[in-house]
């Protein structure tokens, strides 16, 4: 992203995708014309205006560091939520079978006769029971971090949402 301002109106910032180039300046010029047509920019450009007259606005190092930290926090939040979703899926997929195996374990604690085949099936089921139990424990541990990640994302989305509401194109 590159930002430009006008010498006649330095408070006006026009941001377009890409790096500073002839194409980016032309996009900024198109955006400037739209803003002037909509009355968003009160500046009358005397003697005309060309894309070469835009002044590129450079972000300060501090501003970039803050943005980078925020972007890192959002990326980390998305990763945490992605991992949390995978854990939840594992719990959901293994739950029903694990509960069947859990109820079948009771046969080991009764005095009723049990076949070798039933015990062998139980032994095979222990793997699924372990998968479910471990995934369920990890899921519960991850839930708190996932809730924090959700708050970070909500904050990032809310700031974007409020900027969109203030945009002249949205009618507000």
N, C-alpha and C. Protein backbone atom coordinates (compact mmCIF):
# COMPACT_ATOMS: atom_id res chain seq x y z
N UNK A 1 0.84 -1.17 0.00
CA UNK A 1 0.00 0.00 0.00
C UNK A 1 0.89 1.24 0.00
N UNK A 2 0.46 2.22 -0.75
CA UNK A 2 1.17 3.49 -0.79
C UNK A 2 0.16 4.60 -0.56
N UNK A 3 0.58 5.62 0.17
CA UNK A 3 -0.31 6.74 0.48
C UNK A 3 0.27 8.02 -0.11
N UNK A 4 -0.64 8.87 -0.58
CA UNK A 4 -0.25 10.15 -1.16
C UNK A 4 -1.07 11.25 -0.50
N UNK A 5 -0.51 12.47 -0.57
CA UNK A 5 -1.24 13.64 -0.12
C UNK A 5 -1.07 14.72 -1.17
N UNK A 6 -1.83 15.80 -1.01
CA UNK A 6 -1.79 16.91 -1.96
C UNK A 6 -1.04 18.09 -1.34
N UNK A 7 -0.23 18.77 -2.08
CA UNK A 7 0.45 19.94 -1.53
C UNK A 7 -0.55 21.00 -1.07
N UNK A 8 -1.68 21.11 -1.77
CA UNK A 8 -2.69 22.12 -1.44
C UNK A 8 -3.52 21.72 -0.22
N UNK A 9 -3.55 20.43 0.11
CA UNK A 9 -4.38 19.95 1.21
C UNK A 9 -3.70 18.74 1.86
N UNK A 10 -2.68 18.99 2.70
CA UNK A 10 -1.91 17.89 3.29
C UNK A 10 -2.71 16.97 4.22
N UNK A 11 -3.89 17.42 4.67
CA UNK A 11 -4.71 16.57 5.53
C UNK A 11 -5.36 15.44 4.76
N UNK A 12 -5.45 15.58 3.46
CA UNK A 12 -6.08 14.56 2.62
C UNK A 12 -5.05 13.48 2.32
N UNK A 13 -5.39 12.25 2.66
CA UNK A 13 -4.51 11.11 2.40
C UNK A 13 -5.27 10.16 1.48
N UNK A 14 -4.61 9.79 0.38
CA UNK A 14 -5.21 8.85 -0.57
C UNK A 14 -4.31 7.62 -0.59
N UNK A 15 -4.89 6.47 -0.28
CA UNK A 15 -4.12 5.23 -0.21
C UNK A 15 -4.59 4.28 -1.31
N UNK A 16 -3.62 3.71 -2.02
CA UNK A 16 -3.92 2.75 -3.08
C UNK A 16 -3.00 1.54 -2.91
N UNK A 17 -3.38 0.45 -3.56
CA UNK A 17 -2.57 -0.78 -3.50
C UNK A 17 -1.29 -0.61 -4.31
N UNK A 18 -0.27 -1.32 -3.87
CA UNK A 18 0.98 -1.35 -4.61
C UNK A 18 2.03 -0.42 -4.04
N UNK A 19 3.12 -0.32 -4.79
CA UNK A 19 4.22 0.56 -4.41
C UNK A 19 4.10 1.84 -5.21
N UNK A 20 4.90 2.84 -4.84
CA UNK A 20 4.89 4.10 -5.57
C UNK A 20 5.32 3.83 -7.01
N UNK A 21 4.41 4.06 -7.94
CA UNK A 21 4.69 3.84 -9.36
C UNK A 21 3.74 4.72 -10.17
N UNK A 22 3.97 4.76 -11.45
CA UNK A 22 3.10 5.54 -12.32
C UNK A 22 1.66 5.01 -12.25
N UNK A 23 1.53 3.69 -12.23
CA UNK A 23 0.21 3.06 -12.15
C UNK A 23 -0.49 3.41 -10.83
N UNK A 24 0.26 3.34 -9.72
CA UNK A 24 -0.32 3.66 -8.40
C UNK A 24 -0.73 5.13 -8.36
N UNK A 25 0.08 6.00 -8.92
CA UNK A 25 -0.25 7.43 -8.95
C UNK A 25 -1.50 7.67 -9.79
N UNK A 26 -1.66 6.91 -10.86
CA UNK A 26 -2.85 7.07 -11.70
C UNK A 26 -4.10 6.60 -10.94
N UNK A 27 -3.96 5.49 -10.20
CA UNK A 27 -5.08 5.02 -9.37
C UNK A 27 -5.44 6.08 -8.32
N UNK A 28 -4.42 6.69 -7.72
CA UNK A 28 -4.65 7.74 -6.73
C UNK A 28 -5.34 8.94 -7.39
N UNK A 29 -4.95 9.24 -8.62
CA UNK A 29 -5.56 10.35 -9.35
C UNK A 29 -7.05 10.06 -9.58
N UNK A 30 -7.36 8.83 -9.97
CA UNK A 30 -8.76 8.43 -10.18
C UNK A 30 -9.55 8.57 -8.87
N UNK A 31 -8.94 8.15 -7.80
CA UNK A 31 -9.59 8.25 -6.49
C UNK A 31 -9.79 9.72 -6.10
N UNK A 32 -8.80 10.55 -6.41
CA UNK A 32 -8.88 11.99 -6.12
C UNK A 32 -10.06 12.61 -6.88
N UNK A 33 -10.20 12.26 -8.14
CA UNK A 33 -11.31 12.79 -8.95
C UNK A 33 -12.64 12.36 -8.34
N UNK A 34 -12.75 11.09 -7.93
CA UNK A 34 -13.98 10.61 -7.28
C UNK A 34 -14.28 11.41 -6.02
N UNK A 35 -13.24 11.66 -5.22
CA UNK A 35 -13.42 12.40 -3.96
C UNK A 35 -13.85 13.84 -4.23
N UNK A 36 -13.30 14.43 -5.28
CA UNK A 36 -13.67 15.81 -5.62
C UNK A 36 -15.11 15.85 -6.14
N UNK A 37 -15.47 14.87 -6.98
CA UNK A 37 -16.83 14.81 -7.52
C UNK A 37 -17.87 14.62 -6.44
N UNK A 38 -17.52 13.86 -5.40
CA UNK A 38 -18.47 13.60 -4.31
C UNK A 38 -18.49 14.74 -3.29
N UNK A 39 -17.59 15.70 -3.46
CA UNK A 39 -17.54 16.82 -2.52
C UNK A 39 -16.77 16.51 -1.25
N UNK A 40 -16.12 15.36 -1.22
CA UNK A 40 -15.37 14.95 -0.04
C UNK A 40 -14.15 15.84 0.18
N UNK A 41 -13.56 16.31 -0.91
CA UNK A 41 -12.40 17.19 -0.82
C UNK A 41 -12.84 18.59 -1.24
N UNK A 42 -12.74 19.54 -0.32
CA UNK A 42 -13.19 20.89 -0.64
C UNK A 42 -12.18 21.67 -1.49
N UNK A 43 -11.02 21.11 -1.70
CA UNK A 43 -9.95 21.82 -2.39
C UNK A 43 -10.24 21.95 -3.88
N UNK A 44 -10.15 23.17 -4.35
CA UNK A 44 -10.18 23.40 -5.79
C UNK A 44 -8.74 23.42 -6.23
N UNK A 45 -8.41 22.61 -7.17
CA UNK A 45 -7.02 22.53 -7.62
C UNK A 45 -6.79 23.55 -8.73
N UNK A 46 -6.14 24.64 -8.33
CA UNK A 46 -5.84 25.69 -9.29
C UNK A 46 -4.77 25.20 -10.24
N UNK A 47 -4.82 25.63 -11.46
CA UNK A 47 -3.84 25.27 -12.48
C UNK A 47 -3.79 23.77 -12.75
N UNK A 48 -4.87 23.06 -12.41
CA UNK A 48 -4.90 21.63 -12.67
C UNK A 48 -4.04 20.85 -11.69
N UNK A 49 -3.98 19.59 -11.92
CA UNK A 49 -3.21 18.72 -11.03
C UNK A 49 -2.83 17.48 -11.81
N UNK A 50 -1.63 16.99 -11.62
CA UNK A 50 -1.19 15.78 -12.32
C UNK A 50 -0.72 14.75 -11.30
N UNK A 51 -0.71 13.48 -11.69
CA UNK A 51 -0.28 12.43 -10.75
C UNK A 51 1.14 12.65 -10.22
N UNK A 52 2.00 13.30 -10.97
CA UNK A 52 3.37 13.53 -10.54
C UNK A 52 3.44 14.50 -9.35
N UNK A 53 2.38 15.28 -9.14
CA UNK A 53 2.39 16.26 -8.06
C UNK A 53 2.00 15.66 -6.70
N UNK A 54 1.55 14.42 -6.70
CA UNK A 54 1.25 13.78 -5.43
C UNK A 54 2.52 13.71 -4.60
N UNK A 55 2.36 13.83 -3.29
CA UNK A 55 3.48 13.68 -2.37
C UNK A 55 3.27 12.36 -1.64
N UNK A 56 4.25 11.48 -1.76
CA UNK A 56 4.13 10.18 -1.10
C UNK A 56 4.27 10.37 0.40
N UNK A 57 3.37 9.76 1.15
CA UNK A 57 3.39 9.82 2.61
C UNK A 57 4.04 8.54 3.10
N UNK A 58 5.15 8.71 3.79
CA UNK A 58 5.87 7.54 4.33
C UNK A 58 5.44 7.34 5.78
N UNK A 59 5.24 6.07 6.14
CA UNK A 59 4.91 5.75 7.53
C UNK A 59 6.16 5.87 8.38
N UNK A 60 5.98 6.34 9.58
CA UNK A 60 7.12 6.41 10.50
C UNK A 60 7.48 5.00 10.93
N UNK A 61 8.69 4.84 11.40
CA UNK A 61 9.16 3.53 11.85
C UNK A 61 8.30 3.02 13.01
N UNK A 62 7.94 3.93 13.92
CA UNK A 62 7.09 3.55 15.07
C UNK A 62 5.74 3.04 14.59
N UNK A 63 5.17 3.75 13.63
CA UNK A 63 3.86 3.37 13.10
C UNK A 63 3.92 1.99 12.45
N UNK A 64 5.00 1.73 11.72
CA UNK A 64 5.16 0.42 11.09
C UNK A 64 5.32 -0.67 12.14
N UNK A 65 6.04 -0.38 13.23
CA UNK A 65 6.22 -1.36 14.29
C UNK A 65 4.90 -1.69 14.96
N UNK A 66 4.09 -0.67 15.20
CA UNK A 66 2.77 -0.89 15.81
C UNK A 66 1.91 -1.73 14.88
N UNK A 67 1.89 -1.36 13.60
CA UNK A 67 1.11 -2.12 12.62
C UNK A 67 1.60 -3.55 12.56
N UNK A 68 2.92 -3.73 12.55
CA UNK A 68 3.49 -5.07 12.49
C UNK A 68 3.10 -5.89 13.72
N UNK A 69 3.13 -5.27 14.90
CA UNK A 69 2.74 -5.97 16.12
C UNK A 69 1.27 -6.37 16.06
N UNK A 70 0.44 -5.45 15.58
CA UNK A 70 -0.99 -5.74 15.47
C UNK A 70 -1.23 -6.87 14.46
N UNK A 71 -0.53 -6.81 13.33
CA UNK A 71 -0.67 -7.85 12.32
C UNK A 71 -0.21 -9.20 12.86
N UNK A 72 0.89 -9.20 13.61
CA UNK A 72 1.38 -10.44 14.23
C UNK A 72 0.36 -11.00 15.21
N UNK A 73 -0.25 -10.11 15.99
CA UNK A 73 -1.25 -10.55 16.97
C UNK A 73 -2.46 -11.17 16.26
N UNK A 74 -2.88 -10.55 15.17
CA UNK A 74 -4.02 -11.07 14.42
C UNK A 74 -3.65 -12.41 13.79
N UNK A 75 -2.46 -12.51 13.19
CA UNK A 75 -2.03 -13.76 12.57
C UNK A 75 -1.95 -14.87 13.62
N UNK A 76 -1.43 -14.54 14.79
CA UNK A 76 -1.34 -15.53 15.86
C UNK A 76 -2.74 -15.93 16.34
N UNK A 77 -3.64 -14.96 16.42
CA UNK A 77 -5.02 -15.26 16.85
C UNK A 77 -5.69 -16.20 15.86
N UNK A 78 -5.48 -15.96 14.58
CA UNK A 78 -6.08 -16.82 13.55
C UNK A 78 -5.50 -18.23 13.67
N UNK A 79 -4.20 -18.34 13.91
CA UNK A 79 -3.57 -19.66 14.06
C UNK A 79 -4.13 -20.39 15.28
N UNK A 80 -4.29 -19.67 16.38
CA UNK A 80 -4.85 -20.28 17.60
C UNK A 80 -6.26 -20.78 17.34
N UNK A 81 -7.06 -19.97 16.66
CA UNK A 81 -8.44 -20.39 16.36
C UNK A 81 -8.48 -21.57 15.40
N UNK A 82 -7.56 -21.59 14.45
CA UNK A 82 -7.47 -22.71 13.51
C UNK A 82 -7.13 -24.01 14.25
N UNK A 83 -6.14 -23.92 15.15
CA UNK A 83 -5.77 -25.09 15.96
C UNK A 83 -6.93 -25.53 16.85
N UNK A 84 -7.63 -24.55 17.40
CA UNK A 84 -8.77 -24.84 18.27
C UNK A 84 -9.87 -25.55 17.48
N UNK A 85 -10.11 -25.10 16.25
CA UNK A 85 -11.12 -25.74 15.40
C UNK A 85 -10.73 -27.18 15.10
N UNK A 86 -9.44 -27.42 14.84
CA UNK A 86 -8.98 -28.78 14.56
C UNK A 86 -9.18 -29.68 15.79
N UNK A 87 -8.88 -29.14 16.97
CA UNK A 87 -9.10 -29.92 18.20
C UNK A 87 -10.58 -30.24 18.40
N UNK A 88 -11.42 -29.24 18.17
CA UNK A 88 -12.86 -29.46 18.35
C UNK A 88 -13.35 -30.53 17.37
N UNK A 89 -12.85 -30.47 16.14
CA UNK A 89 -13.26 -31.46 15.13
C UNK A 89 -12.84 -32.86 15.58
N UNK A 90 -11.63 -32.98 16.10
CA UNK A 90 -11.14 -34.28 16.57
C UNK A 90 -12.00 -34.80 17.71
N UNK A 91 -12.38 -33.90 18.64
CA UNK A 91 -13.22 -34.29 19.77
C UNK A 91 -14.59 -34.75 19.27
N UNK A 92 -15.17 -33.98 18.38
CA UNK A 92 -16.51 -34.30 17.86
C UNK A 92 -16.50 -35.64 17.11
N UNK A 93 -15.47 -35.83 16.28
CA UNK A 93 -15.39 -37.05 15.47
C UNK A 93 -15.17 -38.30 16.32
N UNK A 94 -14.43 -38.19 17.41
CA UNK A 94 -14.09 -39.37 18.20
C UNK A 94 -15.00 -39.59 19.41
N UNK A 95 -15.82 -38.62 19.74
CA UNK A 95 -16.64 -38.68 20.95
C UNK A 95 -17.58 -39.89 21.01
N UNK A 96 -18.38 -40.06 19.97
CA UNK A 96 -19.40 -41.12 19.99
C UNK A 96 -18.77 -42.50 20.17
N UNK A 97 -17.73 -42.77 19.39
CA UNK A 97 -17.07 -44.07 19.49
C UNK A 97 -16.40 -44.24 20.86
N UNK A 98 -15.79 -43.18 21.36
CA UNK A 98 -15.13 -43.24 22.67
C UNK A 98 -16.15 -43.51 23.77
N UNK A 99 -17.32 -42.92 23.69
CA UNK A 99 -18.35 -43.15 24.72
C UNK A 99 -18.86 -44.60 24.66
N UNK A 100 -18.95 -45.17 23.47
CA UNK A 100 -19.35 -46.58 23.35
C UNK A 100 -18.31 -47.48 24.01
N UNK A 101 -17.05 -47.17 23.73
CA UNK A 101 -15.96 -47.96 24.30
C UNK A 101 -15.95 -47.81 25.82
N UNK A 102 -16.16 -46.58 26.27
CA UNK A 102 -16.18 -46.34 27.72
C UNK A 102 -17.25 -47.17 28.40
N UNK A 103 -18.43 -47.24 27.81
CA UNK A 103 -19.50 -48.03 28.44
C UNK A 103 -19.19 -49.52 28.35
N UNK A 104 -18.47 -49.94 27.33
CA UNK A 104 -18.11 -51.35 27.19
C UNK A 104 -17.06 -51.77 28.21
N UNK A 105 -16.32 -50.82 28.75
CA UNK A 105 -15.29 -51.13 29.76
C UNK A 105 -15.91 -51.74 31.01
N UNK A 106 -17.15 -51.39 31.28
CA UNK A 106 -17.83 -51.88 32.49
C UNK A 106 -17.84 -53.40 32.57
N UNK A 107 -17.80 -54.06 31.41
CA UNK A 107 -17.82 -55.51 31.39
C UNK A 107 -16.59 -56.09 32.10
N UNK A 108 -15.50 -55.34 32.15
CA UNK A 108 -14.29 -55.79 32.84
C UNK A 108 -14.47 -55.84 34.36
N UNK A 109 -15.42 -55.07 34.86
CA UNK A 109 -15.61 -54.95 36.31
C UNK A 109 -16.78 -55.77 36.85
N UNK A 110 -17.33 -56.59 35.99
CA UNK A 110 -18.43 -57.44 36.45
C UNK A 110 -17.94 -58.88 36.56
N UNK A 111 -18.74 -59.69 37.20
CA UNK A 111 -18.40 -61.11 37.33
C UNK A 111 -19.00 -61.93 36.20
N UNK A 112 -19.64 -61.25 35.26
CA UNK A 112 -20.25 -61.97 34.13
C UNK A 112 -19.15 -62.50 33.21
N UNK A 113 -19.43 -63.60 32.55
CA UNK A 113 -18.43 -64.16 31.64
C UNK A 113 -18.19 -63.22 30.45
N UNK A 114 -16.93 -63.13 30.05
CA UNK A 114 -16.52 -62.27 28.94
C UNK A 114 -15.71 -63.13 27.97
N UNK A 115 -15.94 -62.90 26.67
CA UNK A 115 -15.17 -63.66 25.68
C UNK A 115 -13.84 -62.97 25.41
N UNK A 116 -12.92 -63.75 24.91
CA UNK A 116 -11.62 -63.21 24.55
C UNK A 116 -11.79 -62.16 23.43
N UNK A 117 -12.74 -62.41 22.57
CA UNK A 117 -13.01 -61.48 21.46
C UNK A 117 -13.48 -60.12 21.98
N UNK A 118 -14.34 -60.12 23.00
CA UNK A 118 -14.82 -58.86 23.58
C UNK A 118 -13.66 -58.07 24.20
N UNK A 119 -12.78 -58.77 24.87
CA UNK A 119 -11.63 -58.11 25.48
C UNK A 119 -10.69 -57.59 24.40
N UNK A 120 -10.49 -58.35 23.34
CA UNK A 120 -9.63 -57.91 22.23
C UNK A 120 -10.21 -56.66 21.58
N UNK A 121 -11.54 -56.63 21.40
CA UNK A 121 -12.20 -55.44 20.82
C UNK A 121 -12.01 -54.23 21.74
N UNK A 122 -12.09 -54.47 23.04
CA UNK A 122 -11.88 -53.40 24.00
C UNK A 122 -10.46 -52.85 23.89
N UNK A 123 -9.49 -53.76 23.79
CA UNK A 123 -8.09 -53.33 23.70
C UNK A 123 -7.89 -52.46 22.45
N UNK A 124 -8.51 -52.82 21.34
CA UNK A 124 -8.43 -52.00 20.13
C UNK A 124 -9.11 -50.65 20.35
N UNK A 125 -10.17 -50.65 21.11
CA UNK A 125 -10.92 -49.42 21.38
C UNK A 125 -10.20 -48.46 22.30
N UNK A 126 -9.26 -48.97 23.09
CA UNK A 126 -8.52 -48.09 24.00
C UNK A 126 -7.77 -47.00 23.24
N UNK A 127 -7.30 -47.31 22.03
CA UNK A 127 -6.60 -46.30 21.23
C UNK A 127 -7.55 -45.12 20.94
N UNK A 128 -8.77 -45.46 20.54
CA UNK A 128 -9.75 -44.41 20.23
C UNK A 128 -10.11 -43.64 21.50
N UNK A 129 -10.23 -44.36 22.59
CA UNK A 129 -10.54 -43.72 23.87
C UNK A 129 -9.43 -42.74 24.26
N UNK A 130 -8.20 -43.15 24.06
CA UNK A 130 -7.06 -42.27 24.37
C UNK A 130 -7.07 -41.05 23.44
N UNK A 131 -7.30 -41.26 22.17
CA UNK A 131 -7.35 -40.15 21.20
C UNK A 131 -8.39 -39.13 21.64
N UNK A 132 -9.58 -39.62 21.98
CA UNK A 132 -10.65 -38.72 22.42
C UNK A 132 -10.28 -37.99 23.71
N UNK A 133 -9.80 -38.74 24.69
CA UNK A 133 -9.51 -38.15 26.00
C UNK A 133 -8.42 -37.08 25.89
N UNK A 134 -7.36 -37.37 25.16
CA UNK A 134 -6.26 -36.41 25.00
C UNK A 134 -6.76 -35.18 24.23
N UNK A 135 -7.50 -35.41 23.15
CA UNK A 135 -8.02 -34.29 22.36
C UNK A 135 -8.97 -33.44 23.20
N UNK A 136 -9.79 -34.08 24.03
CA UNK A 136 -10.73 -33.36 24.87
C UNK A 136 -10.00 -32.52 25.91
N UNK A 137 -8.94 -33.06 26.51
CA UNK A 137 -8.14 -32.29 27.47
C UNK A 137 -7.48 -31.09 26.79
N UNK A 138 -6.89 -31.33 25.63
CA UNK A 138 -6.24 -30.23 24.89
C UNK A 138 -7.26 -29.18 24.47
N UNK A 139 -8.43 -29.65 24.08
CA UNK A 139 -9.51 -28.74 23.67
C UNK A 139 -9.88 -27.81 24.83
N UNK A 140 -10.06 -28.39 26.02
CA UNK A 140 -10.43 -27.58 27.18
C UNK A 140 -9.34 -26.59 27.55
N UNK A 141 -8.08 -27.03 27.44
CA UNK A 141 -6.95 -26.14 27.73
C UNK A 141 -6.86 -25.01 26.70
N UNK A 142 -7.14 -25.34 25.44
CA UNK A 142 -7.01 -24.37 24.35
C UNK A 142 -8.17 -23.37 24.31
N UNK A 143 -9.26 -23.71 24.96
CA UNK A 143 -10.46 -22.87 24.88
C UNK A 143 -10.20 -21.45 25.39
N UNK A 144 -9.48 -21.32 26.49
CA UNK A 144 -9.19 -19.99 27.05
C UNK A 144 -8.36 -19.16 26.07
N UNK A 145 -7.34 -19.77 25.49
CA UNK A 145 -6.52 -19.06 24.51
C UNK A 145 -7.35 -18.69 23.28
N UNK A 146 -8.23 -19.58 22.88
CA UNK A 146 -9.08 -19.31 21.72
C UNK A 146 -10.03 -18.15 21.99
N UNK A 147 -10.52 -18.07 23.22
CA UNK A 147 -11.40 -16.94 23.57
C UNK A 147 -10.64 -15.63 23.51
N UNK A 148 -9.39 -15.64 23.98
CA UNK A 148 -8.55 -14.44 23.89
C UNK A 148 -8.28 -14.08 22.42
N UNK A 149 -8.03 -15.10 21.61
CA UNK A 149 -7.79 -14.87 20.18
C UNK A 149 -9.03 -14.28 19.52
N UNK A 150 -10.19 -14.75 19.93
CA UNK A 150 -11.44 -14.22 19.38
C UNK A 150 -11.59 -12.74 19.71
N UNK A 151 -11.20 -12.34 20.91
CA UNK A 151 -11.27 -10.94 21.32
C UNK A 151 -10.34 -10.09 20.45
N UNK A 152 -9.12 -10.60 20.20
CA UNK A 152 -8.16 -9.88 19.35
C UNK A 152 -8.75 -9.69 17.94
N UNK A 153 -9.31 -10.76 17.40
CA UNK A 153 -9.91 -10.65 16.06
C UNK A 153 -11.10 -9.70 16.06
N UNK A 154 -11.93 -9.79 17.08
CA UNK A 154 -13.08 -8.89 17.16
C UNK A 154 -12.63 -7.43 17.19
N UNK A 155 -11.56 -7.16 17.95
CA UNK A 155 -11.02 -5.80 18.01
C UNK A 155 -10.54 -5.35 16.63
N UNK A 156 -9.82 -6.22 15.94
CA UNK A 156 -9.30 -5.88 14.61
C UNK A 156 -10.45 -5.69 13.62
N UNK A 157 -11.45 -6.54 13.70
CA UNK A 157 -12.59 -6.43 12.79
C UNK A 157 -13.45 -5.22 13.12
N UNK A 158 -13.57 -4.92 14.40
CA UNK A 158 -14.38 -3.78 14.82
C UNK A 158 -13.77 -2.48 14.32
N UNK A 159 -12.46 -2.33 14.43
CA UNK A 159 -11.83 -1.09 13.96
C UNK A 159 -12.01 -0.95 12.45
N UNK A 160 -11.93 -2.05 11.74
CA UNK A 160 -12.15 -2.03 10.29
C UNK A 160 -13.61 -1.66 10.00
N UNK A 161 -14.51 -2.26 10.77
CA UNK A 161 -15.94 -2.01 10.59
C UNK A 161 -16.27 -0.54 10.84
N UNK A 162 -15.70 0.04 11.89
CA UNK A 162 -16.00 1.45 12.20
C UNK A 162 -15.44 2.37 11.12
N UNK A 163 -14.28 2.02 10.54
CA UNK A 163 -13.74 2.83 9.45
C UNK A 163 -14.64 2.75 8.23
N UNK A 164 -15.19 1.55 7.96
CA UNK A 164 -16.08 1.42 6.82
C UNK A 164 -17.36 2.22 7.01
N UNK A 165 -17.85 2.27 8.24
CA UNK A 165 -19.06 3.04 8.51
C UNK A 165 -18.82 4.53 8.33
N UNK A 166 -17.59 4.97 8.58
CA UNK A 166 -17.28 6.38 8.44
C UNK A 166 -16.96 6.75 7.00
N UNK A 167 -16.78 5.75 6.15
CA UNK A 167 -16.44 5.99 4.75
C UNK A 167 -17.59 6.69 4.04
N UNK A 168 -17.30 7.65 3.17
CA UNK A 168 -18.37 8.39 2.49
C UNK A 168 -19.16 7.50 1.53
N UNK A 169 -18.58 6.40 1.07
CA UNK A 169 -19.29 5.52 0.15
C UNK A 169 -20.39 4.76 0.84
N UNK A 170 -20.28 4.57 2.17
CA UNK A 170 -21.32 3.82 2.87
C UNK A 170 -22.51 4.70 3.24
N UNK A 171 -22.41 5.99 2.92
CA UNK A 171 -23.53 6.88 3.13
C UNK A 171 -23.61 7.47 4.51
N UNK A 172 -22.59 7.31 5.33
CA UNK A 172 -22.60 7.85 6.69
C UNK A 172 -21.55 8.90 6.85
